[in-house]
């Protein structure tokens, strides 16, 4: 993902957003010759979804020491939006001393939806959210790090009434849409398919990638045969396995 900018991955539950975060926690530590960032990772968890046991098999896949990979990830659990901002300031202070290459916030809007309710508090919520996004942008540019934000979605009753194919839209409104440089939309497909779409990007064309979620690790080899069925979509096929998000060819 691009450094010095904000990348947003939004979608409903169980679409692969957190799996992407766990995979990037490891790939960001790889040397640059292998496409990594050769740096540490800061992970602000607002939903309690970070799992160290997921990092170990991903690190083993890339030939990294599992204990060293975990030590290079600092994780902080946030419980309110004020706590979330405080942790963000603490992470910025850590970046002064250590070499970080990735900052993950999973997710950015969960606590805002809890702390602010109704239209009466919407303006205040958006203002606080804009302040946090401004802080994230400054951190990304000052320390040359990549920032990955996951985001939730909300059902749009108006869109459903108009028979829209997908009535779900990301939380955060225009404030978050304008702050994010690249937006990725994760959604469920048929059966165990997951689809990642480039929703908005200043330099990448709109395209999709189809993901197959195997029931067992041994089933990953089936993905190659399945991927041939999606060539008409002009999509690359990837897979979510015990070793994180991998290319279907593997």
Protein backbone atom coordinates (compact mmCIF):
# COMPACT_ATOMS: atom_id res chain seq x y z
CA UNK A 1 0.00 0.00 0.00
CA UNK A 2 1.05 3.59 -0.56
CA UNK A 3 3.07 5.46 2.04
CA UNK A 4 2.37 9.07 3.04
CA UNK A 5 -1.34 8.52 2.43
CA UNK A 6 -4.45 6.93 3.95
CA UNK A 7 -5.80 3.65 2.61
CA UNK A 8 -9.32 2.69 3.69
CA UNK A 9 -10.71 -0.84 3.56
CA UNK A 10 -14.45 -0.93 4.24
CA UNK A 11 -17.03 -3.69 4.14
CA UNK A 12 -19.37 -5.73 6.28
CA UNK A 13 -18.24 -8.33 8.78
CA UNK A 14 -16.38 -11.49 7.69
CA UNK A 15 -15.13 -10.10 4.39
CA UNK A 16 -11.37 -10.22 5.08
CA UNK A 17 -10.52 -6.72 6.33
CA UNK A 18 -8.84 -7.86 9.55
CA UNK A 19 -7.10 -10.71 7.71
CA UNK A 20 -5.57 -8.10 5.41
CA UNK A 21 -4.37 -6.17 8.47
CA UNK A 22 -2.72 -9.26 9.97
CA UNK A 23 -0.99 -10.09 6.71
CA UNK A 24 0.35 -6.56 6.31
CA UNK A 25 1.67 -6.68 9.88
CA UNK A 26 4.15 -9.29 8.64
CA UNK A 27 4.83 -8.16 5.07
CA UNK A 28 5.70 -4.65 6.29
CA UNK A 29 8.65 -6.17 8.17
CA UNK A 30 10.11 -7.87 5.10
CA UNK A 31 13.20 -6.36 3.45
CA UNK A 32 12.57 -4.02 0.56
CA UNK A 33 14.07 -6.54 -1.84
CA UNK A 34 11.04 -8.74 -1.05
CA UNK A 35 8.53 -5.92 -1.39
CA UNK A 36 8.34 -5.10 2.32
CA UNK A 37 8.95 -1.94 4.28
CA UNK A 38 11.72 -3.20 6.59
CA UNK A 39 10.13 -1.53 9.61
CA UNK A 40 7.87 -1.94 12.61
CA UNK A 41 4.08 -1.84 12.74
CA UNK A 42 1.71 0.07 15.04
CA UNK A 43 -1.75 -1.47 15.46
CA UNK A 44 -4.58 0.43 17.18
CA UNK A 45 -7.36 -2.06 17.86
CA UNK A 46 -10.82 -0.65 18.58
CA UNK A 47 -12.81 -3.88 18.18
CA UNK A 48 -10.62 -6.44 19.97
CA UNK A 49 -9.91 -8.43 16.81
CA UNK A 50 -6.09 -8.54 16.84
CA UNK A 51 -4.87 -12.12 17.35
CA UNK A 52 -1.13 -12.83 17.89
CA UNK A 53 -1.69 -16.49 17.00
CA UNK A 54 -2.59 -15.37 13.45
CA UNK A 55 0.77 -13.63 13.10
CA UNK A 56 2.82 -16.78 13.72
CA UNK A 57 1.80 -18.84 10.65
CA UNK A 58 2.02 -15.77 8.43
CA UNK A 59 5.55 -15.05 9.67
CA UNK A 60 6.54 -18.69 9.13
CA UNK A 61 5.29 -18.50 5.54
CA UNK A 62 7.70 -15.63 4.82
CA UNK A 63 10.57 -17.25 6.69
CA UNK A 64 10.60 -14.77 9.57
CA UNK A 65 11.23 -15.55 13.21
CA UNK A 66 7.77 -15.60 14.80
CA UNK A 67 8.87 -14.07 18.12
CA UNK A 68 10.78 -11.29 16.36
CA UNK A 69 7.79 -10.58 14.12
CA UNK A 70 5.52 -10.20 17.15
CA UNK A 71 8.03 -7.97 18.92
CA UNK A 72 8.02 -5.61 15.94
CA UNK A 73 4.27 -5.05 16.30
CA UNK A 74 3.02 -2.70 19.00
CA UNK A 75 -0.67 -3.16 19.75
CA UNK A 76 -2.91 -0.80 21.70
CA UNK A 77 -6.55 -1.41 22.58
CA UNK A 78 -8.84 1.65 22.46
CA UNK A 79 -12.17 1.85 24.30
CA UNK A 80 -13.42 5.38 23.54
CA UNK A 81 -12.81 7.84 20.75
CA UNK A 82 -10.86 10.07 23.17
CA UNK A 83 -8.72 7.09 24.13
CA UNK A 84 -8.26 6.39 20.44
CA UNK A 85 -6.86 9.88 19.84
CA UNK A 86 -4.61 9.63 22.90
CA UNK A 87 -3.16 6.35 21.63
CA UNK A 88 -2.60 7.94 18.23
CA UNK A 89 -0.53 10.69 19.85
CA UNK A 90 1.46 8.07 21.75
CA UNK A 91 2.14 6.16 18.55
CA UNK A 92 3.39 9.35 16.90
CA UNK A 93 5.82 9.81 19.80
CA UNK A 94 7.10 6.24 19.33
CA UNK A 95 7.73 6.88 15.64
CA UNK A 96 10.26 9.56 16.53
CA UNK A 97 12.58 6.94 18.07
CA UNK A 98 11.84 3.76 16.07
CA UNK A 99 11.53 2.99 12.37
CA UNK A 100 7.88 2.32 11.62
CA UNK A 101 6.48 1.61 8.17
CA UNK A 102 2.81 0.88 8.82
CA UNK A 103 0.06 2.21 11.06
CA UNK A 104 -3.18 0.21 11.24
CA UNK A 105 -6.41 1.40 12.84
CA UNK A 106 -9.00 -1.39 12.98
CA UNK A 107 -11.50 0.16 12.83
CA UNK A 108 -11.57 3.94 12.74
CA UNK A 109 -15.34 4.46 13.10
CA UNK A 110 -16.43 1.76 15.58
CA UNK A 111 -15.99 3.86 18.72
CA UNK A 112 -17.42 6.99 17.11
CA UNK A 113 -20.64 5.08 16.40
CA UNK A 114 -20.83 4.13 20.08
CA UNK A 115 -19.91 7.49 21.62
CA UNK A 116 -22.13 9.60 19.34
CA UNK A 117 -25.73 8.69 18.61
CA UNK A 118 -28.50 10.29 16.60
CA UNK A 119 -28.54 13.24 14.25
CA UNK A 120 -28.18 15.66 17.16
CA UNK A 121 -24.58 14.54 17.73
CA UNK A 122 -23.72 13.91 14.08
CA UNK A 123 -21.99 17.27 13.52
CA UNK A 124 -19.80 16.83 16.60
CA UNK A 125 -18.96 13.26 15.59
CA UNK A 126 -17.89 14.32 12.11
CA UNK A 127 -15.77 17.13 13.51
CA UNK A 128 -13.96 14.77 15.90
CA UNK A 129 -13.51 12.26 13.09
CA UNK A 130 -12.07 14.97 10.83
CA UNK A 131 -9.58 15.92 13.52
CA UNK A 132 -8.40 12.33 13.85
CA UNK A 133 -8.08 11.94 10.08
CA UNK A 134 -6.06 15.16 9.92
CA UNK A 135 -3.74 13.78 12.61
CA UNK A 136 -3.35 10.51 10.69
CA UNK A 137 -2.50 12.39 7.49
CA UNK A 138 0.17 14.42 9.27
CA UNK A 139 1.70 11.28 10.78
CA UNK A 140 1.75 9.54 7.39
CA UNK A 141 3.50 12.45 5.71
CA UNK A 142 5.89 13.34 8.54
CA UNK A 143 7.17 9.81 9.17
CA UNK A 144 6.71 8.39 5.64
CA UNK A 145 4.50 5.52 6.82
CA UNK A 146 1.56 3.77 5.22
CA UNK A 147 -1.74 4.14 7.08
CA UNK A 148 -4.42 1.46 6.74
CA UNK A 149 -7.88 2.17 8.12
CA UNK A 150 -10.68 -0.38 8.25
CA UNK A 151 -14.21 0.91 8.25
CA UNK A 152 -17.67 -0.45 8.86
CA UNK A 153 -20.70 -0.11 6.61
CA UNK A 154 -24.29 0.89 7.24
CA UNK A 155 -27.43 -0.05 5.37
CA UNK A 156 -29.01 2.77 3.38
CA UNK A 157 -32.82 2.43 3.60
CA UNK A 158 -33.29 4.95 0.82
CA UNK A 159 -31.09 2.98 -1.55
CA UNK A 160 -32.95 -0.23 -0.71
CA UNK A 161 -36.26 1.45 -1.51
CA UNK A 162 -34.88 2.45 -4.92
CA UNK A 163 -33.92 -1.19 -5.64
CA UNK A 164 -30.18 -0.47 -5.56
CA UNK A 165 -28.08 -3.59 -6.07
CA UNK A 166 -25.94 -2.88 -2.98
CA UNK A 167 -27.66 -0.70 -0.35
CA UNK A 168 -24.62 -0.67 1.99
CA UNK A 169 -22.39 2.39 2.24
CA UNK A 170 -19.31 3.15 4.37
CA UNK A 171 -19.63 4.94 7.70
CA UNK A 172 -18.04 8.37 8.03
CA UNK A 173 -19.68 10.17 5.15
CA UNK A 174 -17.83 12.68 2.99
CA UNK A 175 -15.34 13.51 5.75
CA UNK A 176 -13.76 10.08 5.58
CA UNK A 177 -14.22 9.79 1.81
CA UNK A 178 -12.21 12.95 1.13
CA UNK A 179 -9.47 12.09 3.64
CA UNK A 180 -8.80 8.61 2.22
CA UNK A 181 -6.46 8.47 -0.77
CA UNK A 182 -7.34 4.91 -1.75
CA UNK A 183 -10.56 3.13 -0.81
CA UNK A 184 -11.01 -0.65 -1.01
CA UNK A 185 -14.45 -2.20 -0.83
CA UNK A 186 -14.66 -5.74 0.56
CA UNK A 187 -17.89 -7.63 -0.01
CA UNK A 188 -19.20 -11.17 0.05
CA UNK A 189 -19.72 -13.09 -3.18
CA UNK A 190 -21.31 -16.44 -3.87
CA UNK A 191 -20.65 -19.09 -1.27
CA UNK A 192 -17.15 -18.62 0.15
CA UNK A 193 -16.13 -15.95 -2.36
CA UNK A 194 -14.91 -12.56 -1.16
CA UNK A 195 -14.45 -9.64 -3.54
CA UNK A 196 -12.10 -6.69 -3.10
CA UNK A 197 -12.84 -3.71 -5.33
CA UNK A 198 -10.80 -0.56 -5.86
CA UNK A 199 -13.58 1.84 -4.93
CA UNK A 200 -11.60 5.06 -5.29
CA UNK A 201 -7.99 5.82 -6.20
CA UNK A 202 -6.22 8.76 -7.84
CA UNK A 203 -3.89 6.50 -9.85
CA UNK A 204 -5.40 3.00 -10.05
CA UNK A 205 -8.21 1.95 -12.40
CA UNK A 206 -11.42 0.53 -10.98
CA UNK A 207 -11.04 -3.25 -10.81
CA UNK A 208 -11.87 -6.23 -8.64
CA UNK A 209 -10.05 -9.20 -7.14
CA UNK A 210 -11.89 -12.38 -6.18
CA UNK A 211 -10.91 -14.25 -3.03
CA UNK A 212 -11.70 -17.86 -2.19
CA UNK A 213 -11.92 -18.78 1.50
CA UNK A 214 -10.93 -22.47 1.80
CA UNK A 215 -12.49 -24.47 4.60
CA UNK A 216 -9.13 -26.06 5.36
CA UNK A 217 -5.56 -25.12 4.59
CA UNK A 218 -5.20 -28.18 2.38
CA UNK A 219 -7.92 -26.83 0.09
CA UNK A 220 -5.86 -23.81 -0.99
CA UNK A 221 -4.66 -25.73 -4.02
CA UNK A 222 -8.21 -25.82 -5.40
CA UNK A 223 -8.18 -22.07 -5.86
CA UNK A 224 -6.11 -22.28 -9.03
CA UNK A 225 -8.85 -24.27 -10.76
CA UNK A 226 -11.58 -21.97 -9.50
CA UNK A 227 -9.78 -18.82 -10.54
CA UNK A 228 -10.07 -19.64 -14.24
CA UNK A 229 -13.82 -19.02 -14.01
CA UNK A 230 -13.30 -15.33 -13.20
CA UNK A 231 -11.10 -14.22 -16.07
CA UNK A 232 -14.02 -12.37 -17.62
CA UNK A 233 -14.04 -10.10 -14.54
CA UNK A 234 -10.44 -9.03 -15.31
CA UNK A 235 -9.70 -9.84 -11.66
CA UNK A 236 -6.73 -11.30 -9.85
CA UNK A 237 -7.58 -14.21 -7.55
CA UNK A 238 -6.26 -14.43 -4.01
CA UNK A 239 -7.01 -16.63 -1.03
CA UNK A 240 -7.39 -16.32 2.74
CA UNK A 241 -5.58 -19.20 4.44
CA UNK A 242 -3.92 -20.04 7.73
CA UNK A 243 -0.89 -18.16 6.39
CA UNK A 244 -2.84 -14.93 5.80
CA UNK A 245 -3.87 -13.49 2.45
CA UNK A 246 -1.92 -15.21 -0.31
CA UNK A 247 -1.86 -15.29 -4.09
CA UNK A 248 -3.95 -18.11 -5.50
CA UNK A 249 -0.92 -19.34 -7.44
CA UNK A 250 0.67 -20.35 -4.13
